[in-house]
Amino acid sequence: MSTVHGKQEQADLAKQLIAGTQKRLSNVGQLTFGGGTYTPAQVEAELQTLVTLRADADAAKAAAKAKIAAEKAQLPALRAFTLAYVALVKAMFGTSPDVLADFGLQPKKVGKAPTPEQKAAAKAKREATRKARGVIGSRKRAAIKGDVTGVIVTPVTAAQPAQQTASSASNATPQGSSK
C-alpha cells in the first residue's frame, strides 16, 4: 500500500475506495473495523463526505483567488479615486474639524515653531558647517558636514522695559490705519 500525503491524494483514494466498495462489498451486510460496525452504504457516505469536502475547499480556494485577482486589478484605480475624494473633502471642509471627523479625517496639523534652544543649535551647526567647508567647490562642499557638540544656550536676563518718549509715542501709528 502506498502512503497518502496530500489532501487531494486522500480525496482520490476515497473515490477509489468508494468504487471498490460498490463493486466488491455492496452485497455484504456489515463491516467491522476501526472499533465500529458499518454497512457498505455508511462506508460510502463517509468516504463521499471526504471527497465532497475536498471539492468544496478547492472551489472556495479558486473563488478566493479570483476575488483577490479582481481586487489587485481594481485597487490602484480605487485608491486614486479615494485620494481625490479625500482631497475634495479636505478642500471643502478643511477648517471644520467636526465635519472632517464625520468623514473619518483629521484636520491638518499646525507645525510647531522651533524653541529658542533649537534655533540656537541650528545656528551653531550652520556656522560650524560653513567654517568646516571653507572656500571650495560645490561638490566637495556638499560632502562636508559640520560637527557641533555641547551647545549651551544662555538665557537673556530681562532688561528693564524701555520707556517711550513723548515724540515716539506721537509718531506711533494706531492699528488698522495706514500712513
Protein backbone atom coordinates (compact mmCIF):
# COMPACT_ATOMS: atom_id res chain seq x y z
CA MET A 1 0.00 0.00 0.00
CA SER A 2 1.28 3.46 -0.91
CA THR A 3 1.45 6.32 1.56
CA VAL A 4 -1.09 9.11 1.04
CA HIS A 5 0.35 12.54 1.82
CA GLY A 6 -1.73 15.35 0.33
CA LYS A 7 -5.36 16.28 0.75
CA GLN A 8 -6.07 15.75 -2.92
CA GLU A 9 -4.43 12.32 -2.77
CA GLN A 10 -6.70 11.45 0.18
CA ALA A 11 -9.76 12.52 -1.82
CA ASP A 12 -8.60 10.46 -4.81
CA LEU A 13 -8.09 7.46 -2.56
CA ALA A 14 -11.58 7.94 -1.11
CA LYS A 15 -13.03 7.90 -4.66
CA GLN A 16 -11.21 4.66 -5.42
CA LEU A 17 -12.37 3.13 -2.12
CA ILE A 18 -15.98 4.06 -2.94
CA ALA A 19 -15.69 2.42 -6.35
CA GLY A 20 -14.13 -0.71 -4.83
CA THR A 21 -16.77 -0.88 -2.10
CA GLN A 22 -19.59 -0.60 -4.65
CA LYS A 23 -18.01 -3.28 -6.85
CA ARG A 24 -16.84 -5.83 -4.26
CA LEU A 25 -18.65 -5.21 -0.95
CA SER A 26 -22.13 -3.99 -1.89
CA ASN A 27 -23.75 -7.35 -1.04
CA VAL A 28 -22.02 -7.63 2.39
CA GLY A 29 -24.33 -6.90 5.33
CA GLN A 30 -21.88 -5.37 7.83
CA LEU A 31 -18.21 -4.50 8.03
CA THR A 32 -16.37 -4.30 11.35
CA PHE A 33 -13.26 -2.14 11.53
CA GLY A 34 -11.82 0.79 13.47
CA GLY A 35 -13.77 -0.07 16.63
CA GLY A 36 -17.19 0.08 14.92
CA THR A 37 -19.60 -1.77 12.68
CA TYR A 38 -20.70 -0.15 9.40
CA THR A 39 -22.81 -1.06 6.40
CA PRO A 40 -21.30 -0.57 2.93
CA ALA A 41 -23.67 2.39 2.43
CA GLN A 42 -22.36 4.08 5.62
CA VAL A 43 -18.77 3.50 4.47
CA GLU A 44 -19.55 5.05 1.08
CA ALA A 45 -21.27 8.02 2.75
CA GLU A 46 -18.27 8.72 5.00
CA LEU A 47 -15.84 8.47 2.08
CA GLN A 48 -18.11 10.65 -0.08
CA THR A 49 -18.04 13.31 2.68
CA LEU A 50 -14.25 13.44 2.35
CA VAL A 51 -14.49 13.78 -1.44
CA THR A 52 -17.16 16.49 -1.18
CA LEU A 53 -15.23 18.50 1.42
CA ARG A 54 -12.09 18.45 -0.77
CA ALA A 55 -14.09 19.54 -3.85
CA ASP A 56 -15.78 22.34 -1.87
CA ALA A 57 -12.44 23.50 -0.47
CA ASP A 58 -10.88 23.56 -3.94
CA ALA A 59 -13.85 25.55 -5.28
CA ALA A 60 -13.62 28.02 -2.40
CA LYS A 61 -9.88 28.40 -2.96
CA ALA A 62 -10.43 29.10 -6.66
CA ALA A 63 -13.16 31.64 -5.83
CA ALA A 64 -10.90 33.35 -3.29
CA LYS A 65 -8.06 33.55 -5.82
CA ALA A 66 -10.43 35.09 -8.35
CA LYS A 67 -11.61 37.68 -5.81
CA ILE A 68 -8.02 38.53 -4.84
CA ALA A 69 -7.07 38.92 -8.51
CA ALA A 70 -10.06 41.22 -9.07
CA GLU A 71 -9.11 43.30 -6.03
CA LYS A 72 -5.50 43.52 -7.18
CA ALA A 73 -6.58 44.69 -10.63
CA GLN A 74 -9.03 47.33 -9.38
CA LEU A 75 -7.18 48.58 -6.29
CA PRO A 76 -4.90 51.20 -7.93
CA ALA A 77 -7.81 52.98 -9.61
CA LEU A 78 -9.91 52.82 -6.44
CA ARG A 79 -7.06 54.21 -4.34
CA ALA A 80 -6.61 57.12 -6.75
CA PHE A 81 -10.37 57.78 -6.61
CA THR A 82 -10.31 57.68 -2.79
CA LEU A 83 -7.36 60.06 -2.53
CA ALA A 84 -9.01 62.51 -4.93
CA TYR A 85 -12.23 62.39 -2.91
CA VAL A 86 -10.32 62.94 0.35
CA ALA A 87 -8.62 65.96 -1.23
CA LEU A 88 -12.03 67.35 -2.23
CA VAL A 89 -13.47 66.85 1.27
CA LYS A 90 -10.43 68.50 2.86
CA ALA A 91 -10.68 71.41 0.43
CA MET A 92 -14.37 71.87 1.22
CA PHE A 93 -14.26 71.36 4.99
CA GLY A 94 -10.59 71.86 5.92
CA THR A 95 -11.37 74.49 8.54
CA SER A 96 -14.11 72.47 10.27
CA PRO A 97 -12.62 69.66 12.35
CA ASP A 98 -16.05 68.40 13.41
CA VAL A 99 -17.16 67.96 9.79
CA LEU A 100 -13.87 66.28 8.87
CA ALA A 101 -14.39 63.89 11.80
CA ASP A 102 -17.72 62.85 10.24
CA PHE A 103 -15.71 61.70 7.22
CA GLY A 104 -13.11 59.98 9.42
CA LEU A 105 -10.43 62.53 8.55
CA GLN A 106 -8.09 64.52 10.75
CA PRO A 107 -7.57 68.27 10.30
CA LYS A 108 -4.18 69.41 9.03
CA LYS A 109 -1.73 69.64 11.88
CA VAL A 110 -0.24 73.03 12.62
CA GLY A 111 3.54 72.97 12.73
CA LYS A 112 5.24 73.93 15.95
CA ALA A 113 7.67 76.81 15.93
CA PRO A 114 11.18 75.82 16.96
CA THR A 115 12.17 76.63 20.52
CA PRO A 116 14.93 79.14 21.18
CA GLU A 117 17.24 76.23 22.08
CA GLN A 118 16.52 74.54 18.73
CA LYS A 119 17.13 77.80 16.88
CA ALA A 120 20.44 78.34 18.67
CA ALA A 121 21.55 74.76 17.96
CA ALA A 122 20.66 75.13 14.26
CA LYS A 123 22.56 78.40 14.03
CA ALA A 124 25.63 76.88 15.68
CA LYS A 125 25.51 73.91 13.30
CA ARG A 126 25.21 76.20 10.25
CA GLU A 127 28.20 78.23 11.37
CA ALA A 128 30.25 75.09 12.08
CA THR A 129 29.41 73.69 8.65
CA ARG A 130 30.40 76.94 6.92
CA LYS A 131 33.65 77.03 8.86
CA ALA A 132 34.42 73.37 8.05
CA ARG A 133 33.72 73.76 4.32
CA GLY A 134 35.67 76.93 3.76
CA VAL A 135 36.05 78.12 0.17
CA ILE A 136 35.88 75.02 -2.05
CA GLY A 137 33.85 73.68 -4.98
CA SER A 138 30.19 72.87 -4.62
CA ARG A 139 30.63 69.07 -4.93
CA LYS A 140 33.29 68.89 -2.27
CA ARG A 141 31.34 71.30 -0.11
CA ALA A 142 28.22 69.09 -0.24
CA ALA A 143 30.15 66.15 1.20
CA ILE A 144 31.34 68.05 4.29
CA LYS A 145 29.15 68.43 7.38
CA GLY A 146 29.97 70.48 10.46
CA ASP A 147 30.11 68.92 13.92
CA VAL A 148 28.58 70.69 16.87
CA THR A 149 28.92 69.36 20.37
CA GLY A 150 27.58 70.71 23.62
CA VAL A 151 25.53 73.69 22.53
CA ILE A 152 24.82 75.73 25.63
CA VAL A 153 22.08 78.29 25.49
CA THR A 154 22.41 81.10 28.00
CA PRO A 155 19.20 82.86 28.90
CA VAL A 156 18.98 86.57 28.31
CA THR A 157 18.37 88.45 31.51
CA ALA A 158 15.25 90.53 31.44
CA ALA A 159 16.12 94.16 30.84
CA GLN A 160 14.02 96.96 32.17
CA PRO A 161 11.30 97.91 29.69
CA ALA A 162 12.22 100.94 27.62
CA GLN A 163 10.13 103.98 28.37
CA GLN A 164 8.55 105.67 25.38
CA THR A 165 9.34 109.28 24.93
CA ALA A 166 6.64 111.74 24.07
CA SER A 167 7.88 112.15 20.47
CA SER A 168 7.99 108.39 19.78
CA ALA A 169 4.50 107.93 21.25
CA SER A 170 3.07 110.63 18.97
CA ASN A 171 4.72 109.09 15.87
CA ALA A 172 3.21 105.69 16.59
CA THR A 173 0.56 104.68 14.08
CA PRO A 174 -2.70 103.35 15.55
CA GLN A 175 -3.63 99.79 14.48
CA GLY A 176 -5.74 99.47 11.34
CA SER A 177 -4.78 102.87 9.88
CA SER A 178 -2.33 103.43 7.09
CA LYS A 179 0.18 106.21 6.54
